[in-house]
């Protein structure tokens, strides 16, 4: 992977979306390692600290607690028990994933799990799904019992699983009832239970390309765009991501959906408030976009990190076109530094950066 330096000439001429109030949440990968340098040394630590950080973030006024899902890794692999536990411990914060890899999912069982967790949380789930990214093992979905149909790819399989998931979340009956059931049935064909009304409108697609963002819009999913995407134009990351969001919104409008869509972007943003912040994130030169390959033959662009004094962050973030286009910002957090430090990271952005940008 090598650095990729772009011309700054877009800075003064690009038309920008006016700053608006934004939902601000955190995104945790839930890493754990038995290293003595980590404050998250086991799977139990990762899960319980995720719950505690969600509670702390809600108390600080954050809007969302989101979790990445990876299989065969020392990270968070089974999201719904965690989401249900967070839902039981909190009252207002949105609870979500960014993202669940649909290559691994049984969409019907997933709909039951999601419905149950959403009911426990009082309708606060925001479920991000996608085709997934390279994993720790080769074709890991095979071990879960899934295989693409002949002539199809694993990405096709993920989108097929997603479409089934979306369909059953509508709550329409589709299964023929047993004429001699153990318990009485309601009339007509049966749907999956428990059903949580409104969850279908709180499903998000994590898109790495403009084309999949447009596909998600046509199906009525919200959009999640992360800290990387396929490099489709050679422009700076935030410019390409803003173009993706505009293409998504245009496709949503053309599809004729009645509600307004939601769009989130993820960023690593650290305000240097004290010596701990400077030790962790204040060393080195200003960060830049990077390019690399997350799969063979596909060039990807990775967005820069932001670290600086609050006034410098305000200046830099005001130039980020994709953040300006989004209604939701997810702050990626270094979860292995512990709950207290990550709560400090979130609080610093909420109090010392977001108000100056008009996000609060």
Protein backbone atom coordinates (compact mmCIF):
# COMPACT_ATOMS: atom_id res chain seq x y z
CA UNK A 1 0.00 0.00 0.00
CA UNK A 2 1.42 3.41 -0.85
CA UNK A 3 0.50 6.99 -0.10
CA UNK A 4 -1.58 8.80 -2.68
CA UNK A 5 -1.27 12.59 -2.71
CA UNK A 6 -3.98 14.67 -4.31
CA UNK A 7 -4.12 18.28 -5.45
CA UNK A 8 -5.91 20.62 -2.98
CA UNK A 9 -7.32 22.83 -5.74
CA UNK A 10 -10.89 21.64 -5.12
CA UNK A 11 -10.90 23.38 -1.72
CA UNK A 12 -12.20 26.81 -2.70
CA UNK A 13 -14.24 26.13 -5.81
CA UNK A 14 -16.32 23.07 -4.89
CA UNK A 15 -19.94 23.81 -4.04
CA UNK A 16 -20.74 22.41 -0.62
CA UNK A 17 -23.90 21.21 1.05
CA UNK A 18 -24.79 23.55 3.95
CA UNK A 19 -23.95 22.16 7.38
CA UNK A 20 -26.94 20.61 9.13
CA UNK A 21 -27.58 18.93 12.43
CA UNK A 22 -26.21 15.38 12.38
CA UNK A 23 -26.70 12.21 14.32
CA UNK A 24 -23.33 11.24 15.79
CA UNK A 25 -22.55 7.76 17.01
CA UNK A 26 -19.59 5.47 17.51
CA UNK A 27 -18.51 2.42 15.53
CA UNK A 28 -16.54 -0.31 17.29
CA UNK A 29 -14.84 -3.30 15.69
CA UNK A 30 -14.73 -5.00 19.09
CA UNK A 31 -11.12 -6.11 18.80
CA UNK A 32 -9.69 -8.17 21.63
CA UNK A 33 -6.29 -9.67 22.27
CA UNK A 34 -4.72 -11.30 25.35
CA UNK A 35 -1.84 -8.81 25.18
CA UNK A 36 -1.14 -7.00 28.50
CA UNK A 37 -1.13 -3.72 26.54
CA UNK A 38 -4.82 -4.21 25.68
CA UNK A 39 -7.67 -3.33 28.00
CA UNK A 40 -9.86 -5.76 26.02
CA UNK A 41 -8.25 -9.15 26.50
CA UNK A 42 -11.08 -11.61 25.87
CA UNK A 43 -14.32 -12.04 23.97
CA UNK A 44 -16.18 -11.42 27.23
CA UNK A 45 -14.30 -8.14 27.67
CA UNK A 46 -15.19 -7.05 24.14
CA UNK A 47 -18.89 -7.79 24.61
CA UNK A 48 -19.31 -6.36 28.11
CA UNK A 49 -17.24 -3.26 27.34
CA UNK A 50 -19.34 -2.70 24.21
CA UNK A 51 -22.44 -2.60 26.39
CA UNK A 52 -20.77 -0.25 28.90
CA UNK A 53 -19.56 2.09 26.16
CA UNK A 54 -23.07 2.23 24.70
CA UNK A 55 -24.46 3.26 28.09
CA UNK A 56 -21.72 5.88 28.51
CA UNK A 57 -22.25 7.24 24.98
CA UNK A 58 -25.98 7.62 25.61
CA UNK A 59 -25.27 9.53 28.82
CA UNK A 60 -22.95 11.85 26.88
CA UNK A 61 -25.66 12.60 24.32
CA UNK A 62 -24.40 10.48 21.43
CA UNK A 63 -27.03 9.21 19.01
CA UNK A 64 -25.77 5.76 18.03
CA UNK A 65 -23.84 2.66 19.11
CA UNK A 66 -22.76 0.63 16.08
CA UNK A 67 -20.70 -2.54 15.81
CA UNK A 68 -18.72 -4.20 13.03
CA UNK A 69 -19.18 -7.94 12.51
CA UNK A 70 -16.31 -10.22 11.47
CA UNK A 71 -16.21 -14.01 11.54
CA UNK A 72 -13.25 -16.22 12.44
CA UNK A 73 -11.64 -13.22 14.15
CA UNK A 74 -11.02 -11.92 17.65
CA UNK A 75 -13.75 -9.38 17.13
CA UNK A 76 -17.56 -9.22 17.38
CA UNK A 77 -18.98 -12.14 15.40
CA UNK A 78 -22.60 -12.61 16.53
CA UNK A 79 -24.31 -9.22 16.73
CA UNK A 80 -27.87 -9.86 17.88
CA UNK A 81 -27.20 -10.97 21.48
CA UNK A 82 -25.06 -7.85 21.86
CA UNK A 83 -27.65 -5.56 20.27
CA UNK A 84 -30.37 -7.00 22.50
CA UNK A 85 -28.22 -6.51 25.61
CA UNK A 86 -27.45 -2.91 24.65
CA UNK A 87 -31.14 -2.38 23.98
CA UNK A 88 -32.03 -3.63 27.45
CA UNK A 89 -29.47 -1.33 29.14
CA UNK A 90 -30.23 1.88 27.20
CA UNK A 91 -33.31 3.96 26.44
CA UNK A 92 -32.73 6.39 23.55
CA UNK A 93 -29.55 5.64 21.62
CA UNK A 94 -29.77 3.97 18.21
CA UNK A 95 -28.20 0.51 18.14
CA UNK A 96 -26.80 -0.88 14.94
CA UNK A 97 -24.31 -2.80 12.87
CA UNK A 98 -21.89 -1.57 10.23
CA UNK A 99 -21.95 -4.13 8.77
CA UNK A 100 -23.20 -7.74 8.81
CA UNK A 101 -21.73 -9.84 5.98
CA UNK A 102 -24.76 -11.33 4.21
CA UNK A 103 -22.70 -14.12 2.63
CA UNK A 104 -22.78 -15.82 6.04
CA UNK A 105 -26.43 -15.26 6.90
CA UNK A 106 -29.59 -17.34 6.87
CA UNK A 107 -31.93 -14.44 6.08
CA UNK A 108 -35.01 -15.99 7.74
CA UNK A 109 -33.27 -16.83 11.00
CA UNK A 110 -31.62 -13.41 10.88
CA UNK A 111 -35.05 -11.77 10.55
CA UNK A 112 -36.24 -13.56 13.68
CA UNK A 113 -33.14 -12.50 15.63
CA UNK A 114 -33.41 -8.91 14.39
CA UNK A 115 -37.11 -8.73 15.20
CA UNK A 116 -36.53 -9.98 18.75
CA UNK A 117 -33.62 -7.60 19.39
CA UNK A 118 -35.58 -4.67 17.96
CA UNK A 119 -38.56 -5.36 20.22
CA UNK A 120 -36.28 -5.54 23.27
CA UNK A 121 -34.76 -2.19 22.22
CA UNK A 122 -38.13 -0.55 21.61
CA UNK A 123 -37.63 -0.11 17.87
CA UNK A 124 -34.14 1.42 17.95
CA UNK A 125 -32.20 -1.02 15.76
CA UNK A 126 -30.41 0.23 12.64
CA UNK A 127 -29.10 -2.85 10.84
CA UNK A 128 -26.26 -2.32 8.39
CA UNK A 129 -25.66 -5.21 6.00
CA UNK A 130 -23.41 -5.72 2.96
CA UNK A 131 -21.65 -8.19 0.70
CA UNK A 132 -18.77 -8.21 3.18
CA UNK A 133 -15.04 -7.68 2.90
CA UNK A 134 -12.05 -10.05 2.82
CA UNK A 135 -12.13 -12.24 5.93
CA UNK A 136 -9.66 -14.16 8.08
CA UNK A 137 -10.24 -17.42 6.19
CA UNK A 138 -10.71 -18.32 2.55
CA UNK A 139 -14.38 -18.33 1.55
CA UNK A 140 -15.48 -18.51 5.17
CA UNK A 141 -19.15 -18.61 4.23
CA UNK A 142 -18.62 -22.18 2.97
CA UNK A 143 -18.14 -23.32 6.57
CA UNK A 144 -21.52 -21.79 7.38
CA UNK A 145 -23.13 -23.98 4.74
CA UNK A 146 -23.47 -21.47 1.88
CA UNK A 147 -22.29 -21.69 -1.69
CA UNK A 148 -23.09 -19.39 -4.65
CA UNK A 149 -25.24 -20.91 -7.35
CA UNK A 150 -23.45 -22.00 -10.50
CA UNK A 151 -22.45 -18.98 -12.54
CA UNK A 152 -22.95 -16.63 -9.58
CA UNK A 153 -20.41 -14.96 -7.28
CA UNK A 154 -20.30 -14.68 -3.50
CA UNK A 155 -21.34 -11.03 -3.94
CA UNK A 156 -24.41 -12.18 -5.88
CA UNK A 157 -25.21 -14.58 -3.06
CA UNK A 158 -24.94 -11.80 -0.48
CA UNK A 159 -27.35 -9.60 -2.41
CA UNK A 160 -29.78 -12.51 -2.85
CA UNK A 161 -29.71 -13.14 0.91
CA UNK A 162 -30.29 -9.43 1.46
CA UNK A 163 -33.35 -9.36 -0.79
CA UNK A 164 -34.90 -12.34 1.03
CA UNK A 165 -34.19 -10.65 4.37
CA UNK A 166 -35.85 -7.43 3.22
CA UNK A 167 -38.87 -9.31 1.93
CA UNK A 168 -39.60 -11.28 5.10
CA UNK A 169 -39.17 -8.15 7.25
CA UNK A 170 -42.32 -6.77 5.63
CA UNK A 171 -44.29 -9.12 7.84
CA UNK A 172 -46.41 -10.71 5.12
CA UNK A 173 -47.46 -14.32 5.51
CA UNK A 174 -45.81 -16.81 3.14
CA UNK A 175 -45.70 -20.22 4.88
CA UNK A 176 -48.50 -22.74 4.51
CA UNK A 177 -49.96 -23.54 7.96
CA UNK A 178 -50.24 -27.06 9.27
CA UNK A 179 -53.94 -28.07 9.20
CA UNK A 180 -53.42 -29.79 12.57
CA UNK A 181 -51.08 -27.40 14.42
CA UNK A 182 -49.89 -27.87 17.97
CA UNK A 183 -51.22 -24.38 18.80
CA UNK A 184 -53.99 -22.37 17.11
CA UNK A 185 -52.84 -20.31 14.11
CA UNK A 186 -54.07 -16.93 12.94
CA UNK A 187 -55.94 -17.10 9.61
CA UNK A 188 -54.04 -17.28 6.33
CA UNK A 189 -50.40 -17.96 5.62
CA UNK A 190 -47.94 -17.48 8.44
CA UNK A 191 -45.13 -14.95 8.75
CA UNK A 192 -41.96 -15.11 10.78
CA UNK A 193 -42.26 -14.14 14.43
CA UNK A 194 -41.50 -12.02 16.29
CA UNK A 195 -42.24 -9.27 13.79
CA UNK A 196 -41.11 -5.74 14.64
CA UNK A 197 -43.07 -3.11 12.75
CA UNK A 198 -40.91 -0.53 10.99
CA UNK A 199 -37.64 -2.48 11.09
CA UNK A 200 -37.71 -2.89 7.28
CA UNK A 201 -37.15 0.87 6.97
CA UNK A 202 -34.14 0.72 9.28
CA UNK A 203 -32.00 -1.55 7.12
CA UNK A 204 -28.83 -0.03 5.64
CA UNK A 205 -26.55 -1.25 2.86
CA UNK A 206 -22.79 -0.79 3.17
CA UNK A 207 -21.75 0.17 -0.35
CA UNK A 208 -18.19 0.22 -1.66
CA UNK A 209 -19.17 1.38 -5.16
CA UNK A 210 -21.54 3.86 -6.74
CA UNK A 211 -23.40 1.03 -8.48
CA UNK A 212 -24.22 -0.85 -5.28
CA UNK A 213 -25.29 2.41 -3.64
CA UNK A 214 -27.76 2.93 -6.49
CA UNK A 215 -28.94 -0.69 -6.14
CA UNK A 216 -29.54 -0.14 -2.40
CA UNK A 217 -31.54 3.02 -3.13
CA UNK A 218 -33.81 1.21 -5.55
CA UNK A 219 -34.55 -1.42 -2.88
CA UNK A 220 -35.33 1.22 -0.27
CA UNK A 221 -32.35 0.67 2.01
CA UNK A 222 -30.51 3.44 3.79
CA UNK A 223 -26.85 3.92 2.86
CA UNK A 224 -23.71 3.29 4.91
CA UNK A 225 -20.42 4.40 3.42
CA UNK A 226 -17.31 3.60 5.41
CA UNK A 227 -13.70 4.77 5.53
CA UNK A 228 -12.91 3.04 2.23
CA UNK A 229 -14.48 2.56 -1.18
CA UNK A 230 -13.39 1.31 -4.56
CA UNK A 231 -11.33 3.97 -6.33
CA UNK A 232 -13.58 4.81 -9.28
CA UNK A 233 -12.27 8.21 -10.39
CA UNK A 234 -8.86 8.85 -8.84
CA UNK A 235 -10.20 11.85 -6.92
CA UNK A 236 -9.79 12.36 -3.15
CA UNK A 237 -11.71 9.88 -1.01
CA UNK A 238 -14.20 12.37 0.41
CA UNK A 239 -15.00 13.70 -3.08
CA UNK A 240 -15.67 10.19 -4.43
CA UNK A 241 -17.76 9.35 -1.39
CA UNK A 242 -19.82 12.53 -1.80
CA UNK A 243 -20.43 11.59 -5.44
CA UNK A 244 -21.59 8.15 -4.30
CA UNK A 245 -24.04 9.72 -1.85
CA UNK A 246 -25.43 12.06 -4.53
CA UNK A 247 -25.88 9.12 -6.94
CA UNK A 248 -27.68 7.23 -4.19
CA UNK A 249 -30.03 10.13 -3.41
CA UNK A 250 -30.83 10.60 -7.08
CA UNK A 251 -31.65 6.89 -7.46
CA UNK A 252 -33.81 7.07 -4.33
CA UNK A 253 -35.75 9.97 -5.78
CA UNK A 254 -36.21 8.18 -9.11
CA UNK A 255 -37.46 5.07 -7.31
CA UNK A 256 -40.33 7.10 -5.85
CA UNK A 257 -39.95 6.05 -2.22
CA UNK A 258 -42.18 8.03 0.12
CA UNK A 259 -39.83 8.48 3.07
CA UNK A 260 -36.52 10.33 3.23
CA UNK A 261 -33.46 8.07 3.17
CA UNK A 262 -30.68 8.16 5.71
CA UNK A 263 -26.97 8.20 4.91
CA UNK A 264 -24.05 7.58 7.26
CA UNK A 265 -20.31 7.95 6.79
CA UNK A 266 -17.59 6.68 9.12
CA UNK A 267 -14.50 8.58 10.15
CA UNK A 268 -11.58 8.26 12.56
CA UNK A 269 -11.55 11.65 14.33
CA UNK A 270 -9.54 12.42 17.45
CA UNK A 271 -9.49 15.77 19.23
CA UNK A 272 -6.19 16.31 21.03
CA UNK A 273 -7.44 17.46 24.42
CA UNK A 274 -4.79 16.09 26.79
CA UNK A 275 -1.47 14.26 26.99
CA UNK A 276 -3.10 10.86 26.43
CA UNK A 277 -4.58 12.02 23.14
CA UNK A 278 -1.27 13.48 22.02
CA UNK A 279 0.56 10.28 22.96
CA UNK A 280 -1.87 8.07 21.02
CA UNK A 281 -2.74 10.25 18.04
CA UNK A 282 -0.67 13.43 18.05
CA UNK A 283 2.56 12.01 16.66
CA UNK A 284 3.57 12.21 13.03
CA UNK A 285 2.61 14.25 9.99
CA UNK A 286 -0.94 15.09 8.87
CA UNK A 287 -2.65 12.03 7.46
CA UNK A 288 -3.53 11.57 3.80
CA UNK A 289 -5.72 9.28 1.74
CA UNK A 290 -4.13 5.95 0.84
CA UNK A 291 -4.73 3.49 -1.96
CA UNK A 292 -4.39 -0.26 -1.92
CA UNK A 293 -6.08 -3.51 -2.88
CA UNK A 294 -8.62 -5.19 -0.61
CA UNK A 295 -9.19 -7.91 -3.19
CA UNK A 296 -7.32 -8.97 -6.31
CA UNK A 297 -7.57 -6.50 -9.15
CA UNK A 298 -9.73 -3.99 -7.32
CA UNK A 299 -8.08 -0.74 -6.34
CA UNK A 300 -9.54 0.85 -3.23
CA UNK A 301 -9.07 4.24 -1.63
CA UNK A 302 -8.89 4.61 2.14
CA UNK A 303 -9.91 7.91 3.71
CA UNK A 304 -7.54 9.85 5.92
CA UNK A 305 -7.72 9.97 9.70
CA UNK A 306 -8.33 13.27 11.47
CA UNK A 307 -6.35 14.17 14.60
CA UNK A 308 -5.67 17.66 15.90
CA UNK A 309 -6.65 20.46 18.22
CA UNK A 310 -10.41 21.15 18.07
CA UNK A 311 -10.08 24.35 16.01
CA UNK A 312 -7.88 22.55 13.45
CA UNK A 313 -10.36 19.67 13.27
CA UNK A 314 -13.19 22.11 12.62
CA UNK A 315 -11.29 23.61 9.68
CA UNK A 316 -10.40 20.22 8.21
CA UNK A 317 -13.80 18.61 8.68
CA UNK A 318 -15.56 21.60 7.12
CA UNK A 319 -13.80 20.65 3.86
CA UNK A 320 -15.02 17.03 3.92
CA UNK A 321 -17.72 16.90 1.24
CA UNK A 322 -19.04 13.47 2.18
CA UNK A 323 -19.62 14.37 5.83
CA UNK A 324 -21.51 17.42 4.60
CA UNK A 325 -23.73 15.19 2.44
CA UNK A 326 -24.50 12.67 5.20
CA UNK A 327 -27.02 12.97 8.02
CA UNK A 328 -25.19 10.52 10.31
CA UNK A 329 -21.52 10.39 11.32
CA UNK A 330 -20.03 7.28 12.92
CA UNK A 331 -16.83 7.79 14.87
CA UNK A 332 -14.58 4.72 14.72
CA UNK A 333 -13.19 4.09 18.19
CA UNK A 334 -10.03 2.28 19.40
CA UNK A 335 -11.96 -0.09 21.66
CA UNK A 336 -8.87 -1.77 23.11
CA UNK A 337 -7.99 1.46 24.90
CA UNK A 338 -10.92 0.90 27.25
CA UNK A 339 -14.38 2.27 27.94
CA UNK A 340 -13.30 5.38 29.84
CA UNK A 341 -10.88 6.55 27.17
CA UNK A 342 -13.32 5.91 24.34
CA UNK A 343 -16.04 7.80 26.19
CA UNK A 344 -13.56 10.68 26.42
CA UNK A 345 -12.92 10.48 22.65
CA UNK A 346 -16.65 10.65 21.91
CA UNK A 347 -17.28 13.45 24.41
CA UNK A 348 -14.48 15.59 22.94
CA UNK A 349 -16.09 15.51 19.50
CA UNK A 350 -19.60 16.12 20.82
CA UNK A 351 -18.59 19.09 22.97
CA UNK A 352 -15.62 20.70 21.27
CA UNK A 353 -15.98 19.99 17.54
CA UNK A 354 -19.57 19.24 16.54
CA UNK A 355 -21.14 22.54 17.78
CA UNK A 356 -18.65 24.65 15.82
CA UNK A 357 -19.60 22.78 12.63
CA UNK A 358 -23.33 23.20 13.18
CA UNK A 359 -23.81 19.47 13.88
CA UNK A 360 -25.09 20.17 17.39
